[in-house]
Amino acid sequence: MKIMFKYIIIFLGICLSHPDVSESESSYDGKTTSILRISIDGAGSYNNEKVSSGVGFGFDKILYKQDNIWSGIGFENLFARDLKDKSIQDIKFDSIYFFLRFMYEKKWASYLRLGYNILDKDIDQFNSSGLMWSFGIDYKLSHSWHIESGYHVFSTENIDYSRIVVSLSRHFKNLND
């Protein structure tokens, strides 16, 4: 638990120390190039067993942009969590993915992620890697801060770990593009 709080403090430190550059006319004019996010998820389900809620963090690097569509690569790391019945402890997933982000109006966007995940736990009865997919919505709070909510699934063999996620994300921009 102490490690989780350290990561949250590091996340906030990085986000708050970076200049808040907007996309309006200023000396810091720039466009979003990367996204850092911290996520809280509700109790999920893995192999028909309830998994305790937890925290994760992710990073997206935008590689291609059009007016209303962004795409790129990203990774996500979930902090260890346990099955509610304590039969398996410290389940942790790491994933790398491709993403598409579709912009609507001025404040709304949706996202789709598809990638590969690794179960970071030595569990002999399960394959340790598989497909990762997710979709959700994004609401722009300010030029740099967004809130996201989505449905995320990690698969290993024929077993899914699904969860509902709420994230706070910080959009970083290049200075003087």
C-alpha atoms as a PDB file:
ATOM      1  CA  MET A   1       0.000   0.000   0.000  1.00  0.00           C
ATOM      2  CA  LYS A   2       2.885   2.379   0.761  1.00  0.00           C
ATOM      3  CA  ILE A   3       4.296   1.814  -2.734  1.00  0.00           C
ATOM      4  CA  MET A   4       0.939   2.772  -4.267  1.00  0.00           C
ATOM      5  CA  PHE A   5       0.943   6.096  -2.405  1.00  0.00           C
ATOM      6  CA  LYS A   6       4.510   6.776  -3.560  1.00  0.00           C
ATOM      7  CA  TYR A   7       3.437   6.328  -7.189  1.00  0.00           C
ATOM      8  CA  ILE A   8       0.452   8.626  -6.680  1.00  0.00           C
ATOM      9  CA  ILE A   9       2.749  11.312  -5.217  1.00  0.00           C
ATOM     10  CA  ILE A  10       5.202  10.885  -8.121  1.00  0.00           C
ATOM     11  CA  PHE A  11       2.303  11.176 -10.615  1.00  0.00           C
ATOM     12  CA  LEU A  12       1.070  14.388  -9.007  1.00  0.00           C
ATOM     13  CA  GLY A  13       4.605  15.775  -8.787  1.00  0.00           C
ATOM     14  CA  ILE A  14       5.259  15.205 -12.485  1.00  0.00           C
ATOM     15  CA  CYS A  15       1.898  16.631 -13.486  1.00  0.00           C
ATOM     16  CA  LEU A  16       2.084  19.703 -11.292  1.00  0.00           C
ATOM     17  CA  SER A  17       5.715  20.535 -12.061  1.00  0.00           C
ATOM     18  CA  HIS A  18       5.239  20.600 -15.839  1.00  0.00           C
ATOM     19  CA  PRO A  19       4.118  23.993 -17.192  1.00  0.00           C
ATOM     20  CA  ASP A  20       0.404  24.125 -17.932  1.00  0.00           C
ATOM     21  CA  VAL A  21       0.533  24.956 -21.613  1.00  0.00           C
ATOM     22  CA  SER A  22      -2.763  25.602 -23.291  1.00  0.00           C
ATOM     23  CA  GLU A  23      -3.692  25.409 -26.928  1.00  0.00           C
ATOM     24  CA  SER A  24      -4.561  29.109 -26.968  1.00  0.00           C
ATOM     25  CA  GLU A  25      -2.272  31.830 -28.262  1.00  0.00           C
ATOM     26  CA  SER A  26       0.546  32.293 -25.765  1.00  0.00           C
ATOM     27  CA  SER A  27       4.285  31.898 -25.460  1.00  0.00           C
ATOM     28  CA  TYR A  28       3.615  28.257 -24.508  1.00  0.00           C
ATOM     29  CA  ASP A  29       1.523  27.456 -27.567  1.00  0.00           C
ATOM     30  CA  GLY A  30       1.680  23.715 -28.215  1.00  0.00           C
ATOM     31  CA  LYS A  31      -0.276  20.565 -28.983  1.00  0.00           C
ATOM     32  CA  THR A  32      -0.770  17.406 -26.958  1.00  0.00           C
ATOM     33  CA  THR A  33       2.006  14.866 -27.552  1.00  0.00           C
ATOM     34  CA  SER A  34       1.567  12.499 -24.608  1.00  0.00           C
ATOM     35  CA  ILE A  35      -0.868  11.586 -21.850  1.00  0.00           C
ATOM     36  CA  LEU A  36      -0.107  10.409 -18.312  1.00  0.00           C
ATOM     37  CA  ARG A  37      -2.953   8.864 -16.334  1.00  0.00           C
ATOM     38  CA  ILE A  38      -3.714   7.462 -12.904  1.00  0.00           C
ATOM     39  CA  SER A  39      -6.691   5.112 -12.685  1.00  0.00           C
ATOM     40  CA  ILE A  40      -8.937   3.744  -9.986  1.00  0.00           C
ATOM     41  CA  ASP A  41     -10.977   0.695 -10.833  1.00  0.00           C
ATOM     42  CA  GLY A  42     -13.900  -0.969  -9.156  1.00  0.00           C
ATOM     43  CA  ALA A  43     -13.911  -4.565  -8.025  1.00  0.00           C
ATOM     44  CA  GLY A  44     -13.376  -6.642 -11.141  1.00  0.00           C
ATOM     45  CA  SER A  45     -13.850 -10.283 -11.973  1.00  0.00           C
ATOM     46  CA  TYR A  46     -11.110 -12.814 -12.812  1.00  0.00           C
ATOM     47  CA  ASN A  47     -11.890 -16.502 -13.473  1.00  0.00           C
ATOM     48  CA  ASN A  48     -15.386 -15.953 -11.992  1.00  0.00           C
ATOM     49  CA  GLU A  49     -13.844 -14.677  -8.756  1.00  0.00           C
ATOM     50  CA  LYS A  50     -14.149 -11.118  -7.480  1.00  0.00           C
ATOM     51  CA  VAL A  51     -10.952  -9.072  -7.495  1.00  0.00           C
ATOM     52  CA  SER A  52     -10.452  -6.202  -5.063  1.00  0.00           C
ATOM     53  CA  SER A  53     -10.388  -2.698  -6.501  1.00  0.00           C
ATOM     54  CA  GLY A  54      -7.068  -1.045  -7.149  1.00  0.00           C
ATOM     55  CA  VAL A  55      -4.975   1.655  -8.732  1.00  0.00           C
ATOM     56  CA  GLY A  56      -2.974   1.725 -11.938  1.00  0.00           C
ATOM     57  CA  PHE A  57      -1.091   4.178 -14.078  1.00  0.00           C
ATOM     58  CA  GLY A  58      -0.607   4.530 -17.807  1.00  0.00           C
ATOM     59  CA  PHE A  59       1.155   6.541 -20.457  1.00  0.00           C
ATOM     60  CA  ASP A  60       0.126   7.214 -24.073  1.00  0.00           C
ATOM     61  CA  LYS A  61       2.443   8.578 -26.767  1.00  0.00           C
ATOM     62  CA  ILE A  62       0.575  10.166 -29.651  1.00  0.00           C
ATOM     63  CA  LEU A  63       2.178   9.243 -32.974  1.00  0.00           C
ATOM     64  CA  TYR A  64      -0.407  10.333 -35.540  1.00  0.00           C
ATOM     65  CA  LYS A  65      -2.948  13.155 -35.438  1.00  0.00           C
ATOM     66  CA  GLN A  66      -5.759  14.324 -37.639  1.00  0.00           C
ATOM     67  CA  ASP A  67      -8.344  16.916 -36.706  1.00  0.00           C
ATOM     68  CA  ASN A  68     -10.621  14.502 -34.842  1.00  0.00           C
ATOM     69  CA  ILE A  69      -8.560  11.302 -34.532  1.00  0.00           C
ATOM     70  CA  TRP A  70      -5.376  10.597 -32.592  1.00  0.00           C
ATOM     71  CA  SER A  71      -3.520   7.306 -32.549  1.00  0.00           C
ATOM     72  CA  GLY A  72      -0.390   5.977 -30.932  1.00  0.00           C
ATOM     73  CA  ILE A  73       1.037   3.493 -28.477  1.00  0.00           C
ATOM     74  CA  GLY A  74       0.757   3.236 -24.726  1.00  0.00           C
ATOM     75  CA  PHE A  75       1.317   1.102 -21.676  1.00  0.00           C
ATOM     76  CA  GLU A  76      -0.570   0.479 -18.470  1.00  0.00           C
ATOM     77  CA  ASN A  77       0.593  -0.940 -15.155  1.00  0.00           C
ATOM     78  CA  LEU A  78      -1.805  -2.162 -12.488  1.00  0.00           C
ATOM     79  CA  PHE A  79      -0.693  -2.260  -8.878  1.00  0.00           C
ATOM     80  CA  ALA A  80      -1.014  -5.668  -7.232  1.00  0.00           C
ATOM     81  CA  ARG A  81      -4.440  -6.695  -5.997  1.00  0.00           C
ATOM     82  CA  ASP A  82      -5.946  -9.834  -4.473  1.00  0.00           C
ATOM     83  CA  LEU A  83      -8.899 -12.063  -5.173  1.00  0.00           C
ATOM     84  CA  LYS A  84     -11.597 -11.307  -2.596  1.00  0.00           C
ATOM     85  CA  ASP A  85     -11.433 -14.876  -1.250  1.00  0.00           C
ATOM     86  CA  LYS A  86      -7.618 -14.490  -0.905  1.00  0.00           C
ATOM     87  CA  SER A  87      -7.003 -17.687  -2.941  1.00  0.00           C
ATOM     88  CA  ILE A  88      -4.646 -15.720  -5.192  1.00  0.00           C
ATOM     89  CA  GLN A  89      -2.813 -12.632  -3.962  1.00  0.00           C
ATOM     90  CA  ASP A  90      -0.835  -9.885  -5.661  1.00  0.00           C
ATOM     91  CA  ILE A  91      -2.293 -10.239  -9.163  1.00  0.00           C
ATOM     92  CA  LYS A  92      -0.765  -7.570 -11.369  1.00  0.00           C
ATOM     93  CA  PHE A  93      -1.120  -6.876 -15.089  1.00  0.00           C
ATOM     94  CA  ASP A  94       1.180  -4.922 -17.383  1.00  0.00           C
ATOM     95  CA  SER A  95       0.081  -4.110 -20.916  1.00  0.00           C
ATOM     96  CA  ILE A  96       1.247  -2.421 -24.083  1.00  0.00           C
ATOM     97  CA  TYR A  97      -1.317  -1.316 -26.646  1.00  0.00           C
ATOM     98  CA  PHE A  98      -2.246   0.705 -29.707  1.00  0.00           C
ATOM     99  CA  PHE A  99      -4.934   3.318 -29.183  1.00  0.00           C
ATOM    100  CA  LEU A 100      -7.360   5.428 -31.170  1.00  0.00           C
ATOM    101  CA  ARG A 101      -8.911   8.546 -29.678  1.00  0.00           C
ATOM    102  CA  PHE A 102     -11.908  10.168 -31.402  1.00  0.00           C
ATOM    103  CA  MET A 103     -12.715  13.817 -30.592  1.00  0.00           C
ATOM    104  CA  TYR A 104     -16.304  15.120 -30.505  1.00  0.00           C
ATOM    105  CA  GLU A 105     -17.316  18.731 -30.028  1.00  0.00           C
ATOM    106  CA  LYS A 106     -15.002  20.679 -27.708  1.00  0.00           C
ATOM    107  CA  LYS A 107     -14.943  18.646 -24.510  1.00  0.00           C
ATOM    108  CA  TRP A 108     -15.809  15.024 -25.337  1.00  0.00           C
ATOM    109  CA  ALA A 109     -13.757  12.180 -26.782  1.00  0.00           C
ATOM    110  CA  SER A 110     -13.883   8.397 -26.869  1.00  0.00           C
ATOM    111  CA  TYR A 111     -11.041   5.908 -26.920  1.00  0.00           C
ATOM    112  CA  LEU A 112     -10.359   2.370 -28.041  1.00  0.00           C
ATOM    113  CA  ARG A 113      -7.273   0.395 -26.992  1.00  0.00           C
ATOM    114  CA  LEU A 114      -6.096  -2.981 -28.280  1.00  0.00           C
ATOM    115  CA  GLY A 115      -2.914  -4.664 -27.147  1.00  0.00           C
ATOM    116  CA  TYR A 116      -1.008  -7.340 -25.303  1.00  0.00           C
ATOM    117  CA  ASN A 117      -0.977  -7.933 -21.552  1.00  0.00           C
ATOM    118  CA  ILE A 118       1.236  -9.908 -19.209  1.00  0.00           C
ATOM    119  CA  LEU A 119      -0.018 -11.361 -15.945  1.00  0.00           C
ATOM    120  CA  ASP A 120       2.769 -10.500 -13.519  1.00  0.00           C
ATOM    121  CA  LYS A 121       2.166 -13.436 -11.164  1.00  0.00           C
ATOM    122  CA  ASP A 122       3.512 -16.978 -11.275  1.00  0.00           C
ATOM    123  CA  ILE A 123       0.256 -18.929 -11.527  1.00  0.00           C
ATOM    124  CA  ASP A 124       0.879 -22.348 -13.048  1.00  0.00           C
ATOM    125  CA  GLN A 125      -2.713 -23.071 -14.035  1.00  0.00           C
ATOM    126  CA  PHE A 126      -2.983 -19.991 -16.289  1.00  0.00           C
ATOM    127  CA  ASN A 127      -1.134 -18.715 -19.320  1.00  0.00           C
ATOM    128  CA  SER A 128       0.632 -15.534 -18.292  1.00  0.00           C
ATOM    129  CA  SER A 129      -0.177 -13.339 -21.302  1.00  0.00           C
ATOM    130  CA  GLY A 130      -2.978 -12.507 -23.678  1.00  0.00           C
ATOM    131  CA  LEU A 131      -5.162  -9.871 -25.307  1.00  0.00           C
ATOM    132  CA  MET A 132      -5.952  -6.497 -23.760  1.00  0.00           C
ATOM    133  CA  TRP A 133      -8.827  -4.328 -25.003  1.00  0.00           C
ATOM    134  CA  SER A 134     -10.729  -1.364 -23.656  1.00  0.00           C
ATOM    135  CA  PHE A 135     -13.084   1.412 -24.651  1.00  0.00           C
ATOM    136  CA  GLY A 136     -14.393   4.479 -22.901  1.00  0.00           C
ATOM    137  CA  ILE A 137     -15.093   8.191 -22.867  1.00  0.00           C
ATOM    138  CA  ASP A 138     -13.013  11.243 -22.002  1.00  0.00           C
ATOM    139  CA  TYR A 139     -14.230  14.602 -20.701  1.00  0.00           C
ATOM    140  CA  LYS A 140     -11.963  17.646 -20.936  1.00  0.00           C
ATOM    141  CA  LEU A 141     -11.797  19.548 -17.630  1.00  0.00           C
ATOM    142  CA  SER A 142      -9.166  22.020 -18.878  1.00  0.00           C
ATOM    143  CA  HIS A 143      -6.539  22.116 -21.621  1.00  0.00           C
ATOM    144  CA  SER A 144      -4.304  19.803 -19.622  1.00  0.00           C
ATOM    145  CA  TRP A 145      -6.617  17.829 -17.318  1.00  0.00           C
ATOM    146  CA  HIS A 146      -9.153  15.239 -18.428  1.00  0.00           C
ATOM    147  CA  ILE A 147     -11.293  12.630 -16.695  1.00  0.00           C
ATOM    148  CA  GLU A 148     -11.866   9.249 -18.356  1.00  0.00           C
ATOM    149  CA  SER A 149     -14.161   6.325 -17.687  1.00  0.00           C
ATOM    150  CA  GLY A 150     -14.187   3.011 -19.467  1.00  0.00           C
ATOM    151  CA  TYR A 151     -14.513  -0.747 -19.555  1.00  0.00           C
ATOM    152  CA  HIS A 152     -11.171  -2.592 -19.633  1.00  0.00           C
ATOM    153  CA  VAL A 153     -10.537  -6.319 -20.199  1.00  0.00           C
ATOM    154  CA  PHE A 154      -7.335  -8.363 -19.874  1.00  0.00           C
ATOM    155  CA  SER A 155      -7.444 -11.957 -21.154  1.00  0.00           C
ATOM    156  CA  THR A 156      -5.195 -14.889 -20.296  1.00  0.00           C
ATOM    157  CA  GLU A 157      -6.137 -18.138 -22.070  1.00  0.00           C
ATOM    158  CA  ASN A 158      -9.947 -18.188 -21.880  1.00  0.00           C
ATOM    159  CA  ILE A 159     -10.064 -16.227 -18.639  1.00  0.00           C
ATOM    160  CA  ASP A 160     -10.888 -12.514 -18.604  1.00  0.00           C
ATOM    161  CA  TYR A 161     -10.192  -9.890 -15.982  1.00  0.00           C
ATOM    162  CA  SER A 162     -12.758  -7.161 -16.604  1.00  0.00           C
ATOM    163  CA  ARG A 163     -13.245  -3.941 -14.691  1.00  0.00           C
ATOM    164  CA  ILE A 164     -14.773  -0.461 -14.818  1.00  0.00           C
ATOM    165  CA  VAL A 165     -12.126   2.271 -14.624  1.00  0.00           C
ATOM    166  CA  VAL A 166     -12.161   5.988 -13.769  1.00  0.00           C
ATOM    167  CA  SER A 167      -8.984   7.926 -14.597  1.00  0.00           C
ATOM    168  CA  LEU A 168      -7.543  11.373 -14.122  1.00  0.00           C
ATOM    169  CA  SER A 169      -5.229  12.179 -17.006  1.00  0.00           C
ATOM    170  CA  ARG A 170      -2.744  14.946 -17.697  1.00  0.00           C
ATOM    171  CA  HIS A 171      -2.125  15.921 -21.322  1.00  0.00           C
ATOM    172  CA  PHE A 172       1.406  17.146 -22.002  1.00  0.00           C
ATOM    173  CA  LYS A 173       2.148  19.468 -24.888  1.00  0.00           C
ATOM    174  CA  ASN A 174       5.250  20.475 -26.812  1.00  0.00           C
ATOM    175  CA  LEU A 175       6.359  23.985 -26.031  1.00  0.00           C
ATOM    176  CA  ASN A 176       6.427  26.438 -28.950  1.00  0.00           C
ATOM    177  CA  ASP A 177       5.320  24.024 -31.687  1.00  0.00           C
END
